[in-house]
Protein backbone atom coordinates (compact mmCIF):
# COMPACT_ATOMS: atom_id res chain seq x y z
CA MET A 1 -123.03 212.93 176.35
CA ALA A 2 -124.66 209.83 177.84
CA SER A 3 -127.08 209.73 174.91
CA SER A 4 -124.31 209.84 172.31
CA THR A 5 -122.44 207.09 174.21
CA LEU A 6 -125.47 204.89 174.20
CA LYS A 7 -126.01 205.43 170.50
CA ARG A 8 -122.37 204.61 169.72
CA SER A 9 -122.64 201.43 171.82
CA ALA A 10 -125.81 200.47 170.04
CA ARG A 11 -124.13 200.95 166.65
CA GLU A 12 -121.12 198.87 167.79
CA VAL A 13 -123.42 196.04 168.98
CA SER A 14 -125.30 196.21 165.68
CA ILE A 15 -122.09 196.03 163.67
CA PHE A 16 -120.89 193.14 165.76
CA ALA A 17 -124.18 191.32 165.32
CA LEU A 18 -124.05 191.84 161.56
CA ILE A 19 -120.47 190.50 161.35
CA ALA A 20 -121.44 187.50 163.47
CA ARG A 21 -124.43 186.83 161.25
CA ARG A 22 -122.38 186.99 158.07
CA CYS A 23 -119.75 184.72 159.51
CA GLY A 24 -122.50 182.26 160.56
CA VAL A 25 -123.92 182.34 157.05
CA TYR A 26 -120.63 181.44 155.44
CA LEU A 27 -119.93 178.82 158.07
CA ALA A 28 -123.26 177.24 157.11
CA LEU A 29 -121.97 176.94 153.53
CA MET A 30 -119.24 174.67 154.85
CA LYS A 31 -121.74 172.24 156.57
CA PRO A 32 -119.90 172.21 159.93
CA ARG A 33 -121.70 169.16 161.19
CA VAL A 34 -120.40 167.15 158.29
CA ILE A 35 -116.89 168.47 158.86
CA GLU A 36 -117.02 167.43 162.53
CA LEU A 37 -117.52 163.81 161.48
CA LEU A 38 -114.71 163.97 158.99
CA LEU A 39 -112.28 165.40 161.57
CA VAL A 40 -113.20 162.61 163.96
CA THR A 41 -111.53 160.18 161.50
CA THR A 42 -108.45 162.41 160.96
CA ALA A 43 -106.89 163.04 164.34
CA PRO A 44 -107.04 159.42 165.58
CA VAL A 45 -105.28 158.16 162.44
CA MET A 46 -102.51 160.65 163.10
CA VAL A 47 -102.09 159.19 166.57
CA LEU A 48 -102.01 155.65 165.12
CA ALA A 49 -99.48 156.64 162.45
CA SER A 50 -97.12 158.05 164.97
CA ARG A 51 -97.85 155.40 167.62
CA GLY A 52 -98.12 158.25 170.11
CA VAL A 53 -99.24 161.87 170.18
CA PRO A 54 -97.86 163.83 167.16
CA ASP A 55 -96.69 167.39 167.36
CA MET A 56 -99.68 169.46 168.44
CA TRP A 57 -99.13 172.05 165.73
CA LEU A 58 -99.12 169.32 163.09
CA ILE A 59 -102.43 168.01 164.46
CA LEU A 60 -104.08 171.46 164.63
CA GLY A 61 -102.73 172.48 161.18
CA THR A 62 -103.89 169.24 159.56
CA LEU A 63 -107.35 169.53 161.15
CA ALA A 64 -107.56 173.15 160.08
CA GLY A 65 -106.52 172.34 156.56
CA GLY A 66 -108.85 169.36 156.45
CA ALA A 67 -111.76 171.48 157.68
CA LEU A 68 -111.12 174.08 155.00
CA SER A 69 -110.88 171.36 152.37
CA ALA A 70 -114.14 169.71 153.39
CA GLY A 71 -115.81 173.11 153.75
CA SER A 72 -114.74 174.02 150.25
CA ALA A 73 -116.22 170.83 148.85
CA ASN A 74 -119.49 171.39 150.73
CA ALA A 75 -119.71 175.06 149.61
CA PHE A 76 -119.19 173.88 145.97
CA ASN A 77 -121.94 171.34 146.53
CA MET A 78 -124.38 173.98 147.79
CA TYR A 79 -123.54 176.19 144.86
CA ILE A 80 -124.25 173.44 142.35
CA ASP A 81 -127.32 171.99 144.10
CA ARG A 82 -129.02 175.30 144.92
CA ASP A 83 -131.76 174.48 142.38
CA ILE A 84 -132.81 171.23 144.05
CA ASP A 85 -132.21 172.61 147.56
CA THR A 86 -135.19 174.89 147.00
CA LEU A 87 -137.41 171.84 146.48
CA MET A 88 -136.55 169.95 149.62
CA ALA A 89 -137.80 170.91 153.07
CA ARG A 90 -134.61 169.75 154.68
CA THR A 91 -132.50 172.17 152.70
CA LYS A 92 -134.82 175.19 152.25
CA GLY A 93 -132.93 177.06 155.01
CA ARG A 94 -129.56 176.94 153.28
CA PRO A 95 -127.97 180.37 152.64
CA LEU A 96 -128.12 180.13 148.85
CA VAL A 97 -131.85 179.23 148.97
CA THR A 98 -132.75 182.03 151.41
CA GLY A 99 -130.72 184.53 149.45
CA GLU A 100 -128.43 185.43 152.37
CA VAL A 101 -125.46 184.63 150.04
CA SER A 102 -125.33 185.19 146.30
CA PRO A 103 -124.21 182.34 144.06
CA GLN A 104 -121.11 184.32 142.96
CA SER A 105 -120.09 184.97 146.60
CA ALA A 106 -120.55 181.33 147.50
CA LEU A 107 -118.44 180.26 144.52
CA VAL A 108 -115.66 182.71 145.42
CA PHE A 109 -115.80 181.50 149.04
CA ALA A 110 -115.54 177.83 148.00
CA VAL A 111 -112.56 178.54 145.74
CA THR A 112 -110.82 180.66 148.38
CA ILE A 113 -111.01 178.29 151.34
CA GLY A 114 -110.18 175.42 148.96
CA LEU A 115 -106.93 177.10 147.99
CA ALA A 116 -106.31 178.04 151.60
CA SER A 117 -106.65 174.40 152.62
CA LEU A 118 -103.93 173.38 150.14
CA VAL A 119 -101.59 176.09 151.39
CA VAL A 120 -102.09 175.14 155.03
CA LEU A 121 -101.62 171.45 154.42
CA THR A 122 -98.50 172.07 152.31
CA LEU A 123 -96.92 174.30 154.88
CA VAL A 124 -97.94 172.42 158.07
CA ALA A 125 -97.76 168.85 156.68
CA ASN A 126 -96.56 168.02 153.21
CA VAL A 127 -97.43 168.02 149.56
CA LEU A 128 -98.87 164.54 149.69
CA ALA A 129 -101.49 165.56 152.30
CA ALA A 130 -102.40 168.67 150.27
CA SER A 131 -102.68 166.64 147.07
CA LEU A 132 -105.03 164.20 148.79
CA ALA A 133 -107.16 167.13 150.01
CA LEU A 134 -107.38 168.42 146.45
CA ALA A 135 -108.31 164.95 145.21
CA ALA A 136 -111.09 164.82 147.81
CA ILE A 137 -112.53 168.21 146.79
CA LEU A 138 -112.42 167.27 143.05
CA PHE A 139 -114.00 163.88 143.62
CA TYR A 140 -116.83 165.30 145.71
CA VAL A 141 -117.60 168.06 143.34
CA LEU A 142 -116.97 166.49 139.93
CA VAL A 143 -117.80 162.83 140.51
CA TYR A 144 -120.42 162.89 143.21
CA THR A 145 -122.20 166.21 142.85
CA LEU A 146 -121.99 166.67 139.09
CA LEU A 147 -121.90 163.11 137.76
CA LEU A 148 -123.54 160.67 140.19
CA LYS A 149 -125.99 162.41 142.53
CA ARG A 150 -128.72 163.04 140.00
CA ARG A 151 -128.17 159.98 137.85
CA THR A 152 -127.90 156.83 139.89
CA GLU A 153 -129.18 155.19 143.09
CA GLN A 154 -125.60 154.19 143.77
CA ASN A 155 -124.66 157.90 144.10
CA ILE A 156 -123.86 157.80 147.84
CA VAL A 157 -121.90 154.52 147.50
CA TRP A 158 -119.29 155.83 145.13
CA GLY A 159 -119.66 159.44 146.02
CA GLY A 160 -118.89 158.52 149.59
CA ILE A 161 -115.29 157.93 148.55
CA ALA A 162 -114.69 161.64 149.06
CA GLY A 163 -115.45 161.22 152.77
CA CYS A 164 -112.84 158.54 153.08
CA PHE A 165 -109.87 160.79 152.20
CA PRO A 166 -109.43 162.31 155.70
CA VAL A 167 -107.89 159.05 156.98
CA LEU A 168 -105.33 159.13 154.19
CA ILE A 169 -104.65 162.79 154.74
CA GLY A 170 -104.08 162.28 158.45
CA TRP A 171 -101.71 159.37 157.87
CA ALA A 172 -99.85 161.22 155.10
CA ALA A 173 -99.49 164.29 157.29
CA VAL A 174 -97.53 162.23 159.82
CA THR A 175 -95.61 159.77 157.71
CA GLY A 176 -95.38 161.37 154.29
CA GLU A 177 -96.64 158.18 152.66
CA ILE A 178 -99.63 155.87 152.44
CA SER A 179 -99.41 152.24 153.72
CA LEU A 180 -101.93 149.37 154.08
CA THR A 181 -103.22 150.54 157.44
CA PRO A 182 -104.91 153.77 156.35
CA TRP A 183 -106.28 152.04 153.31
CA ILE A 184 -108.07 149.59 155.55
CA LEU A 185 -109.65 152.48 157.47
CA PHE A 186 -110.44 154.08 154.09
CA VAL A 187 -112.44 150.90 153.22
CA VAL A 188 -114.14 150.98 156.65
CA VAL A 189 -115.47 154.51 156.02
CA PHE A 190 -116.36 153.66 152.44
CA LEU A 191 -118.52 150.72 153.56
CA TRP A 192 -119.94 152.63 156.50
CA THR A 193 -121.18 155.55 154.38
CA PRO A 194 -124.21 153.78 152.75
CA ALA A 195 -125.20 152.20 156.05
CA HIS A 196 -125.01 155.69 157.55
CA TYR A 197 -126.71 157.69 154.80
CA TRP A 198 -129.44 155.40 153.53
CA PRO A 199 -131.43 155.56 156.81
CA LEU A 200 -131.28 159.34 156.51
CA SER A 201 -132.54 159.08 152.93
CA LEU A 202 -135.45 156.93 154.19
CA ARG A 203 -136.44 159.69 156.50
CA TYR A 204 -136.34 162.32 153.77
CA ALA A 205 -137.46 160.13 150.82
CA ASP A 206 -140.26 162.54 149.96
CA ASP A 207 -137.79 165.39 149.77
CA TYR A 208 -135.50 163.54 147.39
CA ALA A 209 -138.47 162.43 145.27
CA ALA A 210 -139.70 166.05 145.04
CA ALA A 211 -136.20 167.05 143.79
CA SER A 212 -135.95 164.08 141.45
CA VAL A 213 -132.80 162.82 143.16
CA PRO A 214 -132.60 159.04 142.60
CA MET A 215 -131.79 157.94 146.07
CA LEU A 216 -132.19 154.30 146.86
CA SER A 217 -135.04 155.09 149.24
CA VAL A 218 -136.92 156.77 146.34
CA LEU A 219 -136.46 153.96 143.80
CA ARG A 220 -136.67 150.92 146.08
CA PRO A 221 -139.10 149.78 148.81
CA LYS A 222 -138.13 150.22 152.44
CA VAL A 223 -137.42 146.49 152.80
CA ALA A 224 -134.80 146.59 150.00
CA VAL A 225 -133.19 149.66 151.63
CA GLY A 226 -133.16 147.98 154.97
CA LEU A 227 -131.46 144.89 153.57
CA GLN A 228 -128.78 147.02 151.96
CA VAL A 229 -128.15 148.80 155.25
CA ILE A 230 -127.62 145.40 156.92
CA LEU A 231 -125.24 144.17 154.27
CA TYR A 232 -123.12 147.36 154.39
CA GLY A 233 -123.26 147.36 158.19
CA TRP A 234 -121.93 143.83 158.35
CA ALA A 235 -119.17 144.65 155.76
CA THR A 236 -118.17 147.72 157.73
CA VAL A 237 -117.66 145.77 160.92
CA VAL A 238 -115.79 142.93 159.19
CA ALA A 239 -113.49 145.42 157.53
CA SER A 240 -112.84 147.14 160.92
CA LEU A 241 -111.66 143.80 162.27
CA VAL A 242 -109.14 143.36 159.51
CA LEU A 243 -107.19 146.25 161.10
CA ILE A 244 -106.47 144.21 164.25
CA PRO A 245 -103.82 141.85 162.75
CA VAL A 246 -102.57 144.35 160.16
CA ALA A 247 -101.89 147.44 162.27
CA PRO A 248 -101.58 145.58 164.67
CA MET A 249 -104.16 146.77 167.22
CA GLY A 250 -104.39 145.93 170.88
CA ILE A 251 -107.04 145.19 173.45
CA VAL A 252 -108.82 148.57 173.44
CA TYR A 253 -109.52 148.63 169.72
CA THR A 254 -110.35 144.95 169.65
CA VAL A 255 -112.99 145.21 172.37
CA VAL A 256 -114.49 148.43 171.05
CA SER A 257 -114.65 147.23 167.40
CA LEU A 258 -116.43 144.04 168.51
CA LEU A 259 -118.93 145.54 171.00
CA ALA A 260 -119.73 148.68 169.04
CA GLY A 261 -119.86 146.66 165.83
CA ALA A 262 -122.28 144.17 167.29
CA TRP A 263 -124.53 147.00 168.51
CA PHE A 264 -124.42 148.76 165.17
CA ILE A 265 -125.31 145.55 163.29
CA ALA A 266 -128.20 144.89 165.75
CA GLU A 267 -129.53 148.37 164.99
CA THR A 268 -129.49 147.73 161.19
CA HIS A 269 -131.34 144.44 161.74
CA LEU A 270 -134.01 146.27 163.76
CA LEU A 271 -134.43 148.73 160.87
CA TYR A 272 -134.91 145.87 158.47
CA SER A 273 -137.39 144.09 160.85
CA ARG A 274 -139.45 147.27 161.14
CA SER A 275 -139.48 147.79 157.36
CA VAL A 276 -140.65 144.22 156.84
CA ALA A 277 -143.46 144.77 159.40
CA GLY A 278 -144.55 147.78 157.33
CA GLY A 279 -144.67 150.19 160.25
CA GLU A 280 -142.55 153.19 161.22
CA THR A 281 -138.91 152.34 160.49
CA ASN A 282 -137.46 154.84 162.94
CA ALA A 283 -134.65 155.22 160.44
CA MET A 284 -133.03 158.18 162.18
CA ARG A 285 -132.23 155.86 165.09
CA VAL A 286 -129.83 153.91 162.82
CA PHE A 287 -128.46 157.16 161.38
CA HIS A 288 -127.54 158.41 164.84
CA ALA A 289 -126.29 154.96 165.81
CA SER A 290 -123.93 154.94 162.81
CA ASN A 291 -122.44 158.26 163.94
CA THR A 292 -121.88 156.92 167.43
CA TYR A 293 -120.37 153.74 166.13
CA LEU A 294 -117.87 155.52 163.87
CA THR A 295 -116.89 157.91 166.56
CA ALA A 296 -116.38 155.13 169.10
CA LEU A 297 -114.30 153.16 166.54
CA PHE A 298 -111.93 156.01 165.81
CA VAL A 299 -111.63 157.04 169.45
CA ALA A 300 -110.44 153.48 169.95
CA VAL A 301 -108.01 153.95 167.09
CA ALA A 302 -106.50 156.93 168.96
CA ILE A 303 -106.45 155.37 172.42
CA ASP A 304 -105.14 151.92 171.47
CA PRO A 305 -101.56 153.01 170.56
CA LEU A 306 -101.30 154.84 173.88
CA VAL A 307 -102.23 151.76 175.95
CA VAL A 308 -99.40 149.46 177.09
CA LEU A 309 -101.61 146.36 177.38
CA ARG A 310 -101.44 144.22 174.21
């Protein structure tokens, strides 16, 4: 009796482990770390749009729909790029490269969660929010992945537009429309994206070269890349300051945007200086700094409307 109980328990544990493993594999197709960053820009905009804390179910539903939308776009991206992912050390562990998921299953998964995102956003928020999510998926898949990524060094500049949509989705979910304020934040994320991604591409320039992906870091010297990161860093911070008179924003956002912006710009200048010196650029430091900067900025976007001092 004890032996049969142990065997049954072992089978149950094995089944649970298999299910958990399969869920983990499909979650990897969605690129959850990328989704986290996108959601960081969604919820704060919802707070700003309502000038307070929106209905919690609206927030949770919008975040869930946004996560499914971004996950769908990322899964499509992995399906399309599975040939070059095999050539890059950074992406060799992805499920379609290792064979843990078949191309057909990945494609079905991408379509399914994409449709689910539209249903969720329509039911929880509104048609405009769902339409913006669909536009983001189509732009990322058709414009960035299929058209730009393998053809131009400006791929991440224009392809980064897809990552700007969450601010519009969050605003539309609350207000049912799009005004100037979310468009300013759209521009902030648009300008931030190259300053964020090009340092990463410096770190993995050999990978992109091996896969014949024309990233700026492959086609241009480090000094040129460093200069572009500075220019986009400055443009990002300037754009973030435009929000202060337009929204209008108060003391919390003003202080954070100035201090975090100054720090971010300083990091981009350090990257350029190191590239001019010809030594190790330590590019990932700027990459991580850009993540911290954007997170701090949007946390301030959320906190500012809740603070009385203005």
